[in-house]
Amino acid sequence: MPLQKAVHDIATGEVVLRDMTPEEEAPILALWAKITDDARAEATKAAADAIARARAQAKLDELGIGTEDLKLLVR
């Protein structure tokens, strides 16, 4: 079974790893782990970015700096 088709079939639930030999399933499981690790890292970064933006906005609000004021400061 080609690796790309195997990954697709696993992702869509169309194949069960128990039907494969350990040699067949090892690269698929490794790739699947990388895909999920990459997705987790992207989600963590997005959450951290959102928190940082919210904190920055809260500080600007606390200081009474509006969007137009900020645009003038950046220039």
N, C-alpha and C. Protein backbone atom coordinates (compact mmCIF):
# COMPACT_ATOMS: atom_id res chain seq x y z
N MET A 1 0.85 -1.17 0.00
CA MET A 1 0.00 0.00 0.00
C MET A 1 0.89 1.24 0.00
N PRO A 2 0.75 2.12 -0.98
CA PRO A 2 1.56 3.34 -1.01
C PRO A 2 1.30 4.20 0.23
N LEU A 3 2.35 4.86 0.70
CA LEU A 3 2.28 5.62 1.94
C LEU A 3 1.19 6.69 1.91
N GLN A 4 1.10 7.44 0.81
CA GLN A 4 0.11 8.52 0.73
C GLN A 4 -1.31 7.96 0.85
N LYS A 5 -1.60 6.88 0.16
CA LYS A 5 -2.93 6.28 0.24
C LYS A 5 -3.20 5.75 1.64
N ALA A 6 -2.19 5.16 2.25
CA ALA A 6 -2.36 4.62 3.60
C ALA A 6 -2.70 5.73 4.59
N VAL A 7 -1.98 6.85 4.50
CA VAL A 7 -2.26 7.97 5.39
C VAL A 7 -3.67 8.49 5.15
N HIS A 8 -4.05 8.62 3.90
CA HIS A 8 -5.41 9.06 3.57
C HIS A 8 -6.45 8.10 4.15
N ASP A 9 -6.21 6.82 3.97
CA ASP A 9 -7.16 5.83 4.45
C ASP A 9 -7.27 5.83 5.97
N ILE A 10 -6.16 6.04 6.66
CA ILE A 10 -6.19 6.11 8.12
C ILE A 10 -6.94 7.37 8.56
N ALA A 11 -6.64 8.48 7.90
CA ALA A 11 -7.27 9.75 8.27
C ALA A 11 -8.78 9.71 8.06
N THR A 12 -9.22 8.98 7.07
CA THR A 12 -10.65 8.90 6.79
C THR A 12 -11.29 7.68 7.45
N GLY A 13 -10.50 6.91 8.18
CA GLY A 13 -11.04 5.76 8.87
C GLY A 13 -11.31 4.56 7.98
N GLU A 14 -10.67 4.53 6.82
CA GLU A 14 -10.94 3.46 5.86
C GLU A 14 -10.01 2.27 5.99
N VAL A 15 -9.09 2.31 6.92
CA VAL A 15 -8.17 1.20 7.08
C VAL A 15 -7.91 0.98 8.56
N VAL A 16 -7.63 -0.23 8.92
CA VAL A 16 -7.31 -0.56 10.30
C VAL A 16 -5.87 -1.05 10.33
N LEU A 17 -5.07 -0.44 11.21
CA LEU A 17 -3.65 -0.79 11.25
C LEU A 17 -3.41 -2.25 11.62
N ARG A 18 -4.34 -2.88 12.31
CA ARG A 18 -4.11 -4.27 12.71
C ARG A 18 -3.99 -5.19 11.51
N ASP A 19 -4.43 -4.75 10.34
CA ASP A 19 -4.32 -5.56 9.13
C ASP A 19 -2.94 -5.42 8.48
N MET A 20 -2.07 -4.60 9.05
CA MET A 20 -0.76 -4.35 8.46
C MET A 20 0.32 -5.03 9.29
N THR A 21 1.43 -5.24 8.64
CA THR A 21 2.59 -5.76 9.37
C THR A 21 3.26 -4.59 10.08
N PRO A 22 4.08 -4.83 11.09
CA PRO A 22 4.78 -3.73 11.76
C PRO A 22 5.63 -2.91 10.79
N GLU A 23 6.21 -3.56 9.80
CA GLU A 23 7.03 -2.83 8.82
C GLU A 23 6.17 -1.90 7.98
N GLU A 24 4.93 -2.29 7.70
CA GLU A 24 4.04 -1.43 6.92
C GLU A 24 3.48 -0.28 7.76
N GLU A 25 3.20 -0.55 9.01
CA GLU A 25 2.56 0.49 9.82
C GLU A 25 3.54 1.50 10.41
N ALA A 26 4.79 1.16 10.59
CA ALA A 26 5.76 2.07 11.23
C ALA A 26 5.88 3.42 10.53
N PRO A 27 6.09 3.48 9.20
CA PRO A 27 6.22 4.81 8.58
C PRO A 27 4.91 5.59 8.61
N ILE A 28 3.80 4.89 8.59
CA ILE A 28 2.50 5.57 8.63
C ILE A 28 2.29 6.20 10.01
N LEU A 29 2.60 5.44 11.05
CA LEU A 29 2.45 5.98 12.40
C LEU A 29 3.41 7.14 12.65
N ALA A 30 4.60 7.05 12.11
CA ALA A 30 5.57 8.14 12.28
C ALA A 30 5.08 9.41 11.58
N LEU A 31 4.56 9.25 10.38
CA LEU A 31 4.04 10.40 9.65
C LEU A 31 2.82 10.99 10.36
N TRP A 32 1.95 10.12 10.83
CA TRP A 32 0.75 10.58 11.54
C TRP A 32 1.15 11.36 12.80
N ALA A 33 2.14 10.89 13.51
CA ALA A 33 2.62 11.59 14.71
C ALA A 33 3.15 12.97 14.34
N LYS A 34 3.90 13.07 13.24
CA LYS A 34 4.43 14.36 12.81
C LYS A 34 3.30 15.32 12.44
N ILE A 35 2.30 14.81 11.74
CA ILE A 35 1.17 15.65 11.34
C ILE A 35 0.46 16.19 12.58
N THR A 36 0.20 15.33 13.55
CA THR A 36 -0.51 15.79 14.75
C THR A 36 0.37 16.72 15.59
N ASP A 37 1.68 16.46 15.65
CA ASP A 37 2.59 17.35 16.37
C ASP A 37 2.62 18.73 15.73
N ASP A 38 2.68 18.78 14.39
CA ASP A 38 2.70 20.06 13.68
C ASP A 38 1.40 20.83 13.92
N ALA A 39 0.28 20.13 13.88
CA ALA A 39 -1.01 20.78 14.11
C ALA A 39 -1.09 21.32 15.54
N ARG A 40 -0.61 20.55 16.50
CA ARG A 40 -0.61 20.98 17.90
C ARG A 40 0.27 22.22 18.07
N ALA A 41 1.42 22.23 17.43
CA ALA A 41 2.33 23.38 17.53
C ALA A 41 1.70 24.63 16.93
N GLU A 42 1.02 24.48 15.79
CA GLU A 42 0.36 25.63 15.16
C GLU A 42 -0.76 26.16 16.04
N ALA A 43 -1.53 25.27 16.63
CA ALA A 43 -2.63 25.70 17.51
C ALA A 43 -2.09 26.40 18.75
N THR A 44 -1.01 25.91 19.31
CA THR A 44 -0.40 26.53 20.49
C THR A 44 0.11 27.91 20.16
N LYS A 45 0.76 28.06 19.00
CA LYS A 45 1.27 29.37 18.58
C LYS A 45 0.12 30.35 18.35
N ALA A 46 -0.94 29.90 17.72
CA ALA A 46 -2.09 30.76 17.47
C ALA A 46 -2.72 31.23 18.78
N ALA A 47 -2.81 30.33 19.75
CA ALA A 47 -3.37 30.70 21.05
C ALA A 47 -2.47 31.71 21.76
N ALA A 48 -1.17 31.48 21.71
CA ALA A 48 -0.23 32.41 22.35
C ALA A 48 -0.30 33.78 21.68
N ASP A 49 -0.41 33.83 20.36
CA ASP A 49 -0.53 35.09 19.64
C ASP A 49 -1.81 35.82 20.04
N ALA A 50 -2.91 35.09 20.16
CA ALA A 50 -4.19 35.70 20.53
C ALA A 50 -4.12 36.27 21.95
N ILE A 51 -3.48 35.55 22.85
CA ILE A 51 -3.33 36.03 24.23
C ILE A 51 -2.47 37.29 24.25
N ALA A 52 -1.39 37.30 23.50
CA ALA A 52 -0.50 38.47 23.46
C ALA A 52 -1.25 39.68 22.89
N ARG A 53 -2.04 39.48 21.85
CA ARG A 53 -2.81 40.59 21.28
C ARG A 53 -3.82 41.13 22.29
N ALA A 54 -4.50 40.22 23.00
CA ALA A 54 -5.50 40.63 23.99
C ALA A 54 -4.84 41.41 25.13
N ARG A 55 -3.68 40.94 25.58
CA ARG A 55 -2.96 41.66 26.65
C ARG A 55 -2.52 43.04 26.19
N ALA A 56 -2.01 43.12 24.97
CA ALA A 56 -1.58 44.41 24.43
C ALA A 56 -2.76 45.37 24.31
N GLN A 57 -3.90 44.86 23.83
CA GLN A 57 -5.08 45.70 23.70
C GLN A 57 -5.57 46.16 25.07
N ALA A 58 -5.53 45.27 26.05
CA ALA A 58 -5.95 45.64 27.40
C ALA A 58 -5.06 46.74 27.97
N LYS A 59 -3.76 46.64 27.72
CA LYS A 59 -2.83 47.67 28.21
C LYS A 59 -3.09 49.00 27.51
N LEU A 60 -3.33 48.97 26.20
CA LEU A 60 -3.64 50.19 25.47
C LEU A 60 -4.92 50.82 26.01
N ASP A 61 -5.93 49.98 26.27
CA ASP A 61 -7.19 50.48 26.82
C ASP A 61 -6.96 51.10 28.20
N GLU A 62 -6.14 50.44 29.01
CA GLU A 62 -5.82 50.94 30.35
C GLU A 62 -5.15 52.31 30.28
N LEU A 63 -4.29 52.48 29.29
CA LEU A 63 -3.58 53.75 29.13
C LEU A 63 -4.40 54.79 28.37
N GLY A 64 -5.57 54.37 27.88
CA GLY A 64 -6.43 55.29 27.15
C GLY A 64 -5.94 55.59 25.76
N ILE A 65 -5.20 54.70 25.19
CA ILE A 65 -4.68 54.88 23.84
C ILE A 65 -5.60 54.15 22.86
N GLY A 66 -6.22 54.92 21.97
CA GLY A 66 -7.11 54.35 20.98
C GLY A 66 -6.37 54.00 19.70
N THR A 67 -7.10 53.45 18.77
CA THR A 67 -6.51 53.02 17.50
C THR A 67 -5.89 54.19 16.75
N GLU A 68 -6.57 55.31 16.72
CA GLU A 68 -6.04 56.47 16.00
C GLU A 68 -4.78 57.00 16.68
N ASP A 69 -4.78 57.02 18.01
CA ASP A 69 -3.59 57.44 18.75
C ASP A 69 -2.41 56.53 18.44
N LEU A 70 -2.68 55.26 18.39
CA LEU A 70 -1.64 54.28 18.12
C LEU A 70 -1.07 54.47 16.72
N LYS A 71 -1.93 54.77 15.77
CA LYS A 71 -1.46 55.01 14.39
C LYS A 71 -0.52 56.21 14.35
N LEU A 72 -0.83 57.24 15.14
CA LEU A 72 0.03 58.43 15.18
C LEU A 72 1.37 58.10 15.84
N LEU A 73 1.35 57.25 16.87
CA LEU A 73 2.58 56.88 17.57
C LEU A 73 3.51 56.05 16.67
N VAL A 74 2.93 55.25 15.83
CA VAL A 74 3.72 54.36 14.97
C VAL A 74 4.40 55.15 13.86
N ARG A 75 3.79 56.21 13.42
CA ARG A 75 4.36 57.00 12.32
C ARG A 75 5.63 57.60 12.69
